[in-house]
mmCIF file of all heavy atoms, coordinates in Angstrom:
data_MODEL
# 
_entry.id   MODEL 
# 
loop_
_atom_site.group_PDB 
_atom_site.id 
_atom_site.type_symbol 
_atom_site.label_atom_id 
_atom_site.label_alt_id 
_atom_site.label_comp_id 
_atom_site.label_asym_id 
_atom_site.label_entity_id 
_atom_site.label_seq_id 
_atom_site.pdbx_PDB_ins_code 
_atom_site.Cartn_x 
_atom_site.Cartn_y 
_atom_site.Cartn_z 
_atom_site.occupancy 
_atom_site.B_iso_or_equiv 
_atom_site.pdbx_formal_charge 
_atom_site.auth_seq_id 
_atom_site.auth_comp_id 
_atom_site.auth_asym_id 
_atom_site.auth_atom_id 
_atom_site.pdbx_PDB_model_num 
ATOM 1   N N   . ALA A 1 1  ? 118.934 85.035 94.422  1.00 0.00 ? 1  ALA A N   1 
ATOM 2   C CA  . ALA A 1 1  ? 117.666 84.278 94.804  1.00 0.00 ? 1  ALA A CA  1 
ATOM 3   C C   . ALA A 1 1  ? 116.704 85.218 95.510  1.00 0.00 ? 1  ALA A C   1 
ATOM 4   O O   . ALA A 1 1  ? 115.562 85.156 95.227  1.00 0.00 ? 1  ALA A O   1 
ATOM 5   C CB  . ALA A 1 1  ? 118.162 83.192 95.848  1.00 0.00 ? 1  ALA A CB  1 
ATOM 6   N N   . TYR A 1 2  ? 117.288 86.131 96.374  1.00 0.00 ? 2  TYR A N   1 
ATOM 7   C CA  . TYR A 1 2  ? 116.330 86.994 97.040  1.00 0.00 ? 2  TYR A CA  1 
ATOM 8   C C   . TYR A 1 2  ? 115.770 88.044 96.088  1.00 0.00 ? 2  TYR A C   1 
ATOM 9   O O   . TYR A 1 2  ? 114.630 88.439 96.242  1.00 0.00 ? 2  TYR A O   1 
ATOM 10  C CB  . TYR A 1 2  ? 117.081 87.780 98.301  1.00 0.00 ? 2  TYR A CB  1 
ATOM 11  C CG  . TYR A 1 2  ? 116.244 88.698 98.985  1.00 0.00 ? 2  TYR A CG  1 
ATOM 12  C CD1 . TYR A 1 2  ? 115.361 88.134 99.919  1.00 0.00 ? 2  TYR A CD1 1 
ATOM 13  C CD2 . TYR A 1 2  ? 116.248 90.047 98.804  1.00 0.00 ? 2  TYR A CD2 1 
ATOM 14  C CE1 . TYR A 1 2  ? 114.484 88.924 100.754 1.00 0.00 ? 2  TYR A CE1 1 
ATOM 15  C CE2 . TYR A 1 2  ? 115.348 90.804 99.506  1.00 0.00 ? 2  TYR A CE2 1 
ATOM 16  C CZ  . TYR A 1 2  ? 114.475 90.272 100.495 1.00 0.00 ? 2  TYR A CZ  1 
ATOM 17  O OH  . TYR A 1 2  ? 113.751 91.160 101.171 1.00 0.00 ? 2  TYR A OH  1 
ATOM 18  N N   . SER A 1 3  ? 116.478 88.534 95.046  1.00 0.00 ? 3  SER A N   1 
ATOM 19  C CA  . SER A 1 3  ? 116.070 89.458 94.197  1.00 0.00 ? 3  SER A CA  1 
ATOM 20  C C   . SER A 1 3  ? 114.784 89.022 93.366  1.00 0.00 ? 3  SER A C   1 
ATOM 21  O O   . SER A 1 3  ? 113.945 89.637 92.954  1.00 0.00 ? 3  SER A O   1 
ATOM 22  C CB  . SER A 1 3  ? 117.133 89.939 93.083  1.00 0.00 ? 3  SER A CB  1 
ATOM 23  O OG  . SER A 1 3  ? 117.476 88.794 92.252  1.00 0.00 ? 3  SER A OG  1 
ATOM 24  N N   . ILE A 1 4  ? 114.794 87.725 93.317  1.00 0.00 ? 4  ILE A N   1 
ATOM 25  C CA  . ILE A 1 4  ? 113.527 87.067 92.543  1.00 0.00 ? 4  ILE A CA  1 
ATOM 26  C C   . ILE A 1 4  ? 112.439 86.681 93.443  1.00 0.00 ? 4  ILE A C   1 
ATOM 27  O O   . ILE A 1 4  ? 111.333 87.101 93.304  1.00 0.00 ? 4  ILE A O   1 
ATOM 28  C CB  . ILE A 1 4  ? 113.992 85.768 91.823  1.00 0.00 ? 4  ILE A CB  1 
ATOM 29  C CG1 . ILE A 1 4  ? 115.071 86.039 90.775  1.00 0.00 ? 4  ILE A CG1 1 
ATOM 30  C CG2 . ILE A 1 4  ? 112.765 85.032 91.163  1.00 0.00 ? 4  ILE A CG2 1 
ATOM 31  C CD1 . ILE A 1 4  ? 114.677 86.971 89.744  1.00 0.00 ? 4  ILE A CD1 1 
ATOM 32  N N   . LEU A 1 5  ? 112.769 86.071 94.607  1.00 0.00 ? 5  LEU A N   1 
ATOM 33  C CA  . LEU A 1 5  ? 111.694 85.600 95.530  1.00 0.00 ? 5  LEU A CA  1 
ATOM 34  C C   . LEU A 1 5  ? 111.063 86.756 96.251  1.00 0.00 ? 5  LEU A C   1 
ATOM 35  O O   . LEU A 1 5  ? 109.954 86.587 96.829  1.00 0.00 ? 5  LEU A O   1 
ATOM 36  C CB  . LEU A 1 5  ? 112.249 84.523 96.432  1.00 0.00 ? 5  LEU A CB  1 
ATOM 37  C CG  . LEU A 1 5  ? 112.765 83.255 95.871  1.00 0.00 ? 5  LEU A CG  1 
ATOM 38  C CD1 . LEU A 1 5  ? 113.313 82.333 96.837  1.00 0.00 ? 5  LEU A CD1 1 
ATOM 39  C CD2 . LEU A 1 5  ? 111.718 82.624 94.887  1.00 0.00 ? 5  LEU A CD2 1 
ATOM 40  N N   . SER A 1 6  ? 111.655 87.976 96.503  1.00 0.00 ? 6  SER A N   1 
ATOM 41  C CA  . SER A 1 6  ? 111.116 88.996 97.158  1.00 0.00 ? 6  SER A CA  1 
ATOM 42  C C   . SER A 1 6  ? 110.200 89.879 96.311  1.00 0.00 ? 6  SER A C   1 
ATOM 43  O O   . SER A 1 6  ? 109.548 90.736 96.857  1.00 0.00 ? 6  SER A O   1 
ATOM 44  C CB  . SER A 1 6  ? 112.306 89.861 97.784  1.00 0.00 ? 6  SER A CB  1 
ATOM 45  O OG  . SER A 1 6  ? 113.107 90.437 96.706  1.00 0.00 ? 6  SER A OG  1 
ATOM 46  N N   . ASP A 1 7  ? 110.295 89.655 94.949  1.00 0.00 ? 7  ASP A N   1 
ATOM 47  C CA  . ASP A 1 7  ? 109.419 90.397 94.073  1.00 0.00 ? 7  ASP A CA  1 
ATOM 48  C C   . ASP A 1 7  ? 108.211 89.471 93.658  1.00 0.00 ? 7  ASP A C   1 
ATOM 49  O O   . ASP A 1 7  ? 108.354 88.401 93.101  1.00 0.00 ? 7  ASP A O   1 
ATOM 50  C CB  . ASP A 1 7  ? 110.219 90.715 92.766  1.00 0.00 ? 7  ASP A CB  1 
ATOM 51  C CG  . ASP A 1 7  ? 109.440 91.618 91.821  1.00 0.00 ? 7  ASP A CG  1 
ATOM 52  O OD1 . ASP A 1 7  ? 108.374 91.295 91.551  1.00 0.00 ? 7  ASP A OD1 1 
ATOM 53  O OD2 . ASP A 1 7  ? 109.947 92.701 91.446  1.00 0.00 ? 7  ASP A OD2 1 
ATOM 54  N N   . PRO A 1 8  ? 106.922 89.933 94.081  1.00 0.00 ? 8  PRO A N   1 
ATOM 55  C CA  . PRO A 1 8  ? 105.854 89.120 93.879  1.00 0.00 ? 8  PRO A CA  1 
ATOM 56  C C   . PRO A 1 8  ? 105.618 88.631 92.379  1.00 0.00 ? 8  PRO A C   1 
ATOM 57  O O   . PRO A 1 8  ? 105.371 87.444 92.061  1.00 0.00 ? 8  PRO A O   1 
ATOM 58  C CB  . PRO A 1 8  ? 104.701 89.870 94.293  1.00 0.00 ? 8  PRO A CB  1 
ATOM 59  C CG  . PRO A 1 8  ? 105.296 90.830 95.298  1.00 0.00 ? 8  PRO A CG  1 
ATOM 60  C CD  . PRO A 1 8  ? 106.703 91.120 94.735  1.00 0.00 ? 8  PRO A CD  1 
ATOM 61  N N   . GLU A 1 9  ? 105.863 89.488 91.538  1.00 0.00 ? 9  GLU A N   1 
ATOM 62  C CA  . GLU A 1 9  ? 105.644 89.117 89.996  1.00 0.00 ? 9  GLU A CA  1 
ATOM 63  C C   . GLU A 1 9  ? 106.686 88.145 89.545  1.00 0.00 ? 9  GLU A C   1 
ATOM 64  O O   . GLU A 1 9  ? 106.518 87.159 88.837  1.00 0.00 ? 9  GLU A O   1 
ATOM 65  C CB  . GLU A 1 9  ? 105.642 90.376 89.145  1.00 0.00 ? 9  GLU A CB  1 
ATOM 66  C CG  . GLU A 1 9  ? 104.494 91.375 89.368  1.00 0.00 ? 9  GLU A CG  1 
ATOM 67  C CD  . GLU A 1 9  ? 104.471 92.427 88.334  1.00 0.00 ? 9  GLU A CD  1 
ATOM 68  O OE1 . GLU A 1 9  ? 105.336 92.340 87.327  1.00 0.00 ? 9  GLU A OE1 1 
ATOM 69  O OE2 . GLU A 1 9  ? 103.727 93.421 88.535  1.00 0.00 ? 9  GLU A OE2 1 
ATOM 70  N N   . LYS A 1 10 ? 108.001 88.396 89.905  1.00 0.00 ? 10 LYS A N   1 
ATOM 71  C CA  . LYS A 1 10 ? 109.123 87.418 89.497  1.00 0.00 ? 10 LYS A CA  1 
ATOM 72  C C   . LYS A 1 10 ? 108.990 86.139 90.249  1.00 0.00 ? 10 LYS A C   1 
ATOM 73  O O   . LYS A 1 10 ? 109.208 85.071 89.649  1.00 0.00 ? 10 LYS A O   1 
ATOM 74  C CB  . LYS A 1 10 ? 110.408 88.070 89.817  1.00 0.00 ? 10 LYS A CB  1 
ATOM 75  C CG  . LYS A 1 10 ? 110.726 89.415 89.043  1.00 0.00 ? 10 LYS A CG  1 
ATOM 76  C CD  . LYS A 1 10 ? 112.057 89.970 89.430  1.00 0.00 ? 10 LYS A CD  1 
ATOM 77  C CE  . LYS A 1 10 ? 112.329 91.230 88.756  1.00 0.00 ? 10 LYS A CE  1 
ATOM 78  N NZ  . LYS A 1 10 ? 113.559 91.917 89.247  1.00 0.00 ? 10 LYS A NZ  1 
ATOM 79  N N   . LYS A 1 11 ? 108.492 86.187 91.502  1.00 0.00 ? 11 LYS A N   1 
ATOM 80  C CA  . LYS A 1 11 ? 108.386 85.003 92.210  1.00 0.00 ? 11 LYS A CA  1 
ATOM 81  C C   . LYS A 1 11 ? 107.242 84.088 91.639  1.00 0.00 ? 11 LYS A C   1 
ATOM 82  O O   . LYS A 1 11 ? 107.335 82.938 91.565  1.00 0.00 ? 11 LYS A O   1 
ATOM 83  C CB  . LYS A 1 11 ? 107.889 85.267 93.736  1.00 0.00 ? 11 LYS A CB  1 
ATOM 84  C CG  . LYS A 1 11 ? 107.793 84.070 94.619  1.00 0.00 ? 11 LYS A CG  1 
ATOM 85  C CD  . LYS A 1 11 ? 107.565 84.488 96.105  1.00 0.00 ? 11 LYS A CD  1 
ATOM 86  C CE  . LYS A 1 11 ? 107.357 83.283 96.971  1.00 0.00 ? 11 LYS A CE  1 
ATOM 87  N NZ  . LYS A 1 11 ? 106.025 82.529 96.641  1.00 0.00 ? 11 LYS A NZ  1 
ATOM 88  N N   . GLN A 1 12 ? 106.161 84.744 91.218  1.00 0.00 ? 12 GLN A N   1 
ATOM 89  C CA  . GLN A 1 12 ? 105.028 84.085 90.486  1.00 0.00 ? 12 GLN A CA  1 
ATOM 90  C C   . GLN A 1 12 ? 105.628 83.356 89.192  1.00 0.00 ? 12 GLN A C   1 
ATOM 91  O O   . GLN A 1 12 ? 105.279 82.164 88.996  1.00 0.00 ? 12 GLN A O   1 
ATOM 92  C CB  . GLN A 1 12 ? 103.892 84.903 90.187  1.00 0.00 ? 12 GLN A CB  1 
ATOM 93  C CG  . GLN A 1 12 ? 102.761 84.250 89.588  1.00 0.00 ? 12 GLN A CG  1 
ATOM 94  C CD  . GLN A 1 12 ? 101.617 85.243 89.229  1.00 0.00 ? 12 GLN A CD  1 
ATOM 95  O OE1 . GLN A 1 12 ? 101.708 86.401 89.451  1.00 0.00 ? 12 GLN A OE1 1 
ATOM 96  N NE2 . GLN A 1 12 ? 100.503 84.689 88.860  1.00 0.00 ? 12 GLN A NE2 1 
ATOM 97  N N   . ARG A 1 13 ? 106.357 84.076 88.469  1.00 0.00 ? 13 ARG A N   1 
ATOM 98  C CA  . ARG A 1 13 ? 106.875 83.540 87.145  1.00 0.00 ? 13 ARG A CA  1 
ATOM 99  C C   . ARG A 1 13 ? 107.813 82.352 87.497  1.00 0.00 ? 13 ARG A C   1 
ATOM 100 O O   . ARG A 1 13 ? 107.864 81.387 86.715  1.00 0.00 ? 13 ARG A O   1 
ATOM 101 C CB  . ARG A 1 13 ? 107.557 84.542 86.386  1.00 0.00 ? 13 ARG A CB  1 
ATOM 102 C CG  . ARG A 1 13 ? 106.654 85.641 85.816  1.00 0.00 ? 13 ARG A CG  1 
ATOM 103 C CD  . ARG A 1 13 ? 107.255 86.274 84.533  1.00 0.00 ? 13 ARG A CD  1 
ATOM 104 N NE  . ARG A 1 13 ? 108.519 86.897 84.745  1.00 0.00 ? 13 ARG A NE  1 
ATOM 105 C CZ  . ARG A 1 13 ? 108.679 88.113 85.016  1.00 0.00 ? 13 ARG A CZ  1 
ATOM 106 N NH1 . ARG A 1 13 ? 107.662 88.946 85.149  1.00 0.00 ? 13 ARG A NH1 1 
ATOM 107 N NH2 . ARG A 1 13 ? 109.981 88.676 85.160  1.00 0.00 ? 13 ARG A NH2 1 
ATOM 108 N N   . TYR A 1 14 ? 108.698 82.519 88.478  1.00 0.00 ? 14 TYR A N   1 
ATOM 109 C CA  . TYR A 1 14 ? 109.614 81.510 88.911  1.00 0.00 ? 14 TYR A CA  1 
ATOM 110 C C   . TYR A 1 14 ? 108.966 80.214 89.399  1.00 0.00 ? 14 TYR A C   1 
ATOM 111 O O   . TYR A 1 14 ? 109.293 79.116 88.991  1.00 0.00 ? 14 TYR A O   1 
ATOM 112 C CB  . TYR A 1 14 ? 110.636 82.075 90.029  1.00 0.00 ? 14 TYR A CB  1 
ATOM 113 C CG  . TYR A 1 14 ? 111.566 80.986 90.362  1.00 0.00 ? 14 TYR A CG  1 
ATOM 114 C CD1 . TYR A 1 14 ? 112.721 80.601 89.595  1.00 0.00 ? 14 TYR A CD1 1 
ATOM 115 C CD2 . TYR A 1 14 ? 111.446 80.229 91.612  1.00 0.00 ? 14 TYR A CD2 1 
ATOM 116 C CE1 . TYR A 1 14 ? 113.542 79.711 89.946  1.00 0.00 ? 14 TYR A CE1 1 
ATOM 117 C CE2 . TYR A 1 14 ? 112.272 79.323 92.044  1.00 0.00 ? 14 TYR A CE2 1 
ATOM 118 C CZ  . TYR A 1 14 ? 113.360 79.052 91.207  1.00 0.00 ? 14 TYR A CZ  1 
ATOM 119 O OH  . TYR A 1 14 ? 114.237 78.075 91.570  1.00 0.00 ? 14 TYR A OH  1 
ATOM 120 N N   . ASP A 1 15 ? 107.799 80.474 90.163  1.00 0.00 ? 15 ASP A N   1 
ATOM 121 C CA  . ASP A 1 15 ? 107.146 79.253 90.744  1.00 0.00 ? 15 ASP A CA  1 
ATOM 122 C C   . ASP A 1 15 ? 106.398 78.552 89.605  1.00 0.00 ? 15 ASP A C   1 
ATOM 123 O O   . ASP A 1 15 ? 106.335 77.300 89.666  1.00 0.00 ? 15 ASP A O   1 
ATOM 124 C CB  . ASP A 1 15 ? 106.093 79.760 91.753  1.00 0.00 ? 15 ASP A CB  1 
ATOM 125 C CG  . ASP A 1 15 ? 106.671 80.180 93.030  1.00 0.00 ? 15 ASP A CG  1 
ATOM 126 O OD1 . ASP A 1 15 ? 107.830 79.886 93.333  1.00 0.00 ? 15 ASP A OD1 1 
ATOM 127 O OD2 . ASP A 1 15 ? 105.989 80.823 93.885  1.00 0.00 ? 15 ASP A OD2 1 
ATOM 128 N N   . GLN A 1 16 ? 105.960 79.243 88.497  1.00 0.00 ? 16 GLN A N   1 
ATOM 129 C CA  . GLN A 1 16 ? 105.355 78.638 87.421  1.00 0.00 ? 16 GLN A CA  1 
ATOM 130 C C   . GLN A 1 16 ? 106.157 77.956 86.406  1.00 0.00 ? 16 GLN A C   1 
ATOM 131 O O   . GLN A 1 16 ? 106.009 76.992 85.913  1.00 0.00 ? 16 GLN A O   1 
ATOM 132 C CB  . GLN A 1 16 ? 104.400 79.643 86.873  1.00 0.00 ? 16 GLN A CB  1 
ATOM 133 C CG  . GLN A 1 16 ? 103.533 79.016 85.731  1.00 0.00 ? 16 GLN A CG  1 
ATOM 134 C CD  . GLN A 1 16 ? 102.603 79.964 85.129  1.00 0.00 ? 16 GLN A CD  1 
ATOM 135 O OE1 . GLN A 1 16 ? 102.493 81.081 85.492  1.00 0.00 ? 16 GLN A OE1 1 
ATOM 136 N NE2 . GLN A 1 16 ? 101.644 79.496 84.319  1.00 0.00 ? 16 GLN A NE2 1 
ATOM 137 N N   . PHE A 1 17 ? 107.259 78.776 86.068  1.00 0.00 ? 17 PHE A N   1 
ATOM 138 C CA  . PHE A 1 17 ? 108.119 78.407 85.030  1.00 0.00 ? 17 PHE A CA  1 
ATOM 139 C C   . PHE A 1 17 ? 109.612 78.092 85.339  1.00 0.00 ? 17 PHE A C   1 
ATOM 140 O O   . PHE A 1 17 ? 110.333 77.570 84.466  1.00 0.00 ? 17 PHE A O   1 
ATOM 141 C CB  . PHE A 1 17 ? 108.191 79.483 83.886  1.00 0.00 ? 17 PHE A CB  1 
ATOM 142 C CG  . PHE A 1 17 ? 106.845 79.830 83.335  1.00 0.00 ? 17 PHE A CG  1 
ATOM 143 C CD1 . PHE A 1 17 ? 106.292 81.015 83.636  1.00 0.00 ? 17 PHE A CD1 1 
ATOM 144 C CD2 . PHE A 1 17 ? 106.053 78.971 82.596  1.00 0.00 ? 17 PHE A CD2 1 
ATOM 145 C CE1 . PHE A 1 17 ? 105.034 81.419 83.263  1.00 0.00 ? 17 PHE A CE1 1 
ATOM 146 C CE2 . PHE A 1 17 ? 104.828 79.308 82.179  1.00 0.00 ? 17 PHE A CE2 1 
ATOM 147 C CZ  . PHE A 1 17 ? 104.297 80.606 82.397  1.00 0.00 ? 17 PHE A CZ  1 
ATOM 148 N N   . GLY A 1 18 ? 109.938 78.141 86.607  1.00 0.00 ? 18 GLY A N   1 
ATOM 149 C CA  . GLY A 1 18 ? 111.311 77.853 86.988  1.00 0.00 ? 18 GLY A CA  1 
ATOM 150 C C   . GLY A 1 18 ? 112.292 79.002 86.551  1.00 0.00 ? 18 GLY A C   1 
ATOM 151 O O   . GLY A 1 18 ? 111.778 80.068 86.338  1.00 0.00 ? 18 GLY A O   1 
ATOM 152 N N   . HIS A 1 19 ? 113.514 78.743 86.428  1.00 0.00 ? 19 HIS A N   1 
ATOM 153 C CA  . HIS A 1 19 ? 114.558 79.653 86.061  1.00 0.00 ? 19 HIS A CA  1 
ATOM 154 C C   . HIS A 1 19 ? 114.187 80.359 84.680  1.00 0.00 ? 19 HIS A C   1 
ATOM 155 O O   . HIS A 1 19 ? 114.446 81.604 84.486  1.00 0.00 ? 19 HIS A O   1 
ATOM 156 C CB  . HIS A 1 19 ? 115.958 79.013 85.989  1.00 0.00 ? 19 HIS A CB  1 
ATOM 157 C CG  . HIS A 1 19 ? 116.488 78.721 87.381  1.00 0.00 ? 19 HIS A CG  1 
ATOM 158 N ND1 . HIS A 1 19 ? 116.749 79.695 88.140  1.00 0.00 ? 19 HIS A ND1 1 
ATOM 159 C CD2 . HIS A 1 19 ? 116.788 77.507 87.968  1.00 0.00 ? 19 HIS A CD2 1 
ATOM 160 C CE1 . HIS A 1 19 ? 117.300 79.137 89.385  1.00 0.00 ? 19 HIS A CE1 1 
ATOM 161 N NE2 . HIS A 1 19 ? 117.241 77.832 89.176  1.00 0.00 ? 19 HIS A NE2 1 
ATOM 162 N N   . ALA A 1 20 ? 113.552 79.648 83.765  1.00 0.00 ? 20 ALA A N   1 
ATOM 163 C CA  . ALA A 1 20 ? 113.227 80.201 82.411  1.00 0.00 ? 20 ALA A CA  1 
ATOM 164 C C   . ALA A 1 20 ? 112.235 81.350 82.597  1.00 0.00 ? 20 ALA A C   1 
ATOM 165 O O   . ALA A 1 20 ? 112.250 82.285 81.833  1.00 0.00 ? 20 ALA A O   1 
ATOM 166 C CB  . ALA A 1 20 ? 112.613 79.137 81.579  1.00 0.00 ? 20 ALA A CB  1 
ATOM 167 N N   . GLY A 1 21 ? 111.419 81.245 83.711  1.00 0.00 ? 21 GLY A N   1 
ATOM 168 C CA  . GLY A 1 21 ? 110.378 82.315 83.874  1.00 0.00 ? 21 GLY A CA  1 
ATOM 169 C C   . GLY A 1 21 ? 111.040 83.760 84.206  1.00 0.00 ? 21 GLY A C   1 
ATOM 170 O O   . GLY A 1 21 ? 110.456 84.752 84.071  1.00 0.00 ? 21 GLY A O   1 
ATOM 171 N N   . VAL A 1 22 ? 112.274 83.660 84.672  1.00 0.00 ? 22 VAL A N   1 
ATOM 172 C CA  . VAL A 1 22 ? 112.923 85.018 85.048  1.00 0.00 ? 22 VAL A CA  1 
ATOM 173 C C   . VAL A 1 22 ? 114.271 85.286 84.349  1.00 0.00 ? 22 VAL A C   1 
ATOM 174 O O   . VAL A 1 22 ? 114.988 86.091 84.752  1.00 0.00 ? 22 VAL A O   1 
ATOM 175 C CB  . VAL A 1 22 ? 113.176 85.005 86.619  1.00 0.00 ? 22 VAL A CB  1 
ATOM 176 C CG1 . VAL A 1 22 ? 111.938 85.116 87.332  1.00 0.00 ? 22 VAL A CG1 1 
ATOM 177 C CG2 . VAL A 1 22 ? 114.069 83.804 87.103  1.00 0.00 ? 22 VAL A CG2 1 
ATOM 178 N N   . ASP A 1 23 ? 114.423 84.461 83.225  1.00 0.00 ? 23 ASP A N   1 
ATOM 179 C CA  . ASP A 1 23 ? 115.616 84.600 82.469  1.00 0.00 ? 23 ASP A CA  1 
ATOM 180 C C   . ASP A 1 23 ? 115.432 85.488 81.250  1.00 0.00 ? 23 ASP A C   1 
ATOM 181 O O   . ASP A 1 23 ? 114.571 85.049 80.414  1.00 0.00 ? 23 ASP A O   1 
ATOM 182 C CB  . ASP A 1 23 ? 116.145 83.207 82.066  1.00 0.00 ? 23 ASP A CB  1 
ATOM 183 C CG  . ASP A 1 23 ? 117.392 83.312 81.161  1.00 0.00 ? 23 ASP A CG  1 
ATOM 184 O OD1 . ASP A 1 23 ? 118.034 84.345 81.098  1.00 0.00 ? 23 ASP A OD1 1 
ATOM 185 O OD2 . ASP A 1 23 ? 117.698 82.203 80.414  1.00 0.00 ? 23 ASP A OD2 1 
ATOM 186 N N   . PRO A 1 24 ? 115.937 86.708 81.132  1.00 0.00 ? 24 PRO A N   1 
ATOM 187 C CA  . PRO A 1 24 ? 115.658 87.465 79.891  1.00 0.00 ? 24 PRO A CA  1 
ATOM 188 C C   . PRO A 1 24 ? 116.059 86.883 78.662  1.00 0.00 ? 24 PRO A C   1 
ATOM 189 O O   . PRO A 1 24 ? 115.499 87.212 77.554  1.00 0.00 ? 24 PRO A O   1 
ATOM 190 C CB  . PRO A 1 24 ? 116.456 88.644 80.202  1.00 0.00 ? 24 PRO A CB  1 
ATOM 191 C CG  . PRO A 1 24 ? 117.493 88.251 81.154  1.00 0.00 ? 24 PRO A CG  1 
ATOM 192 C CD  . PRO A 1 24 ? 116.930 87.299 81.976  1.00 0.00 ? 24 PRO A CD  1 
ATOM 193 N N   . ASN A 1 25 ? 116.939 85.786 78.611  1.00 0.00 ? 25 ASN A N   1 
ATOM 194 C CA  . ASN A 1 25 ? 117.392 85.184 77.413  1.00 0.00 ? 25 ASN A CA  1 
ATOM 195 C C   . ASN A 1 25 ? 116.442 83.933 77.067  1.00 0.00 ? 25 ASN A C   1 
ATOM 196 O O   . ASN A 1 25 ? 116.614 83.336 76.035  1.00 0.00 ? 25 ASN A O   1 
ATOM 197 C CB  . ASN A 1 25 ? 118.787 84.664 77.540  1.00 0.00 ? 25 ASN A CB  1 
ATOM 198 C CG  . ASN A 1 25 ? 119.699 85.782 77.667  1.00 0.00 ? 25 ASN A CG  1 
ATOM 199 O OD1 . ASN A 1 25 ? 119.615 86.848 77.041  1.00 0.00 ? 25 ASN A OD1 1 
ATOM 200 N ND2 . ASN A 1 25 ? 120.695 85.598 78.662  1.00 0.00 ? 25 ASN A ND2 1 
ATOM 201 N N   . ALA A 1 26 ? 115.472 83.729 77.937  1.00 0.00 ? 26 ALA A N   1 
ATOM 202 C CA  . ALA A 1 26 ? 114.599 82.584 77.730  1.00 0.00 ? 26 ALA A CA  1 
ATOM 203 C C   . ALA A 1 26 ? 113.193 82.929 77.171  1.00 0.00 ? 26 ALA A C   1 
ATOM 204 O O   . ALA A 1 26 ? 112.310 82.184 77.115  1.00 0.00 ? 26 ALA A O   1 
ATOM 205 C CB  . ALA A 1 26 ? 114.460 81.676 78.940  1.00 0.00 ? 26 ALA A CB  1 
# 
């Protein structure tokens, strides 16, 4: 959770698309 939310770019993708936004398989 921290590895995503502490990274501004990943956090932005997660806030917009949820888990799919930071899932390399999605």
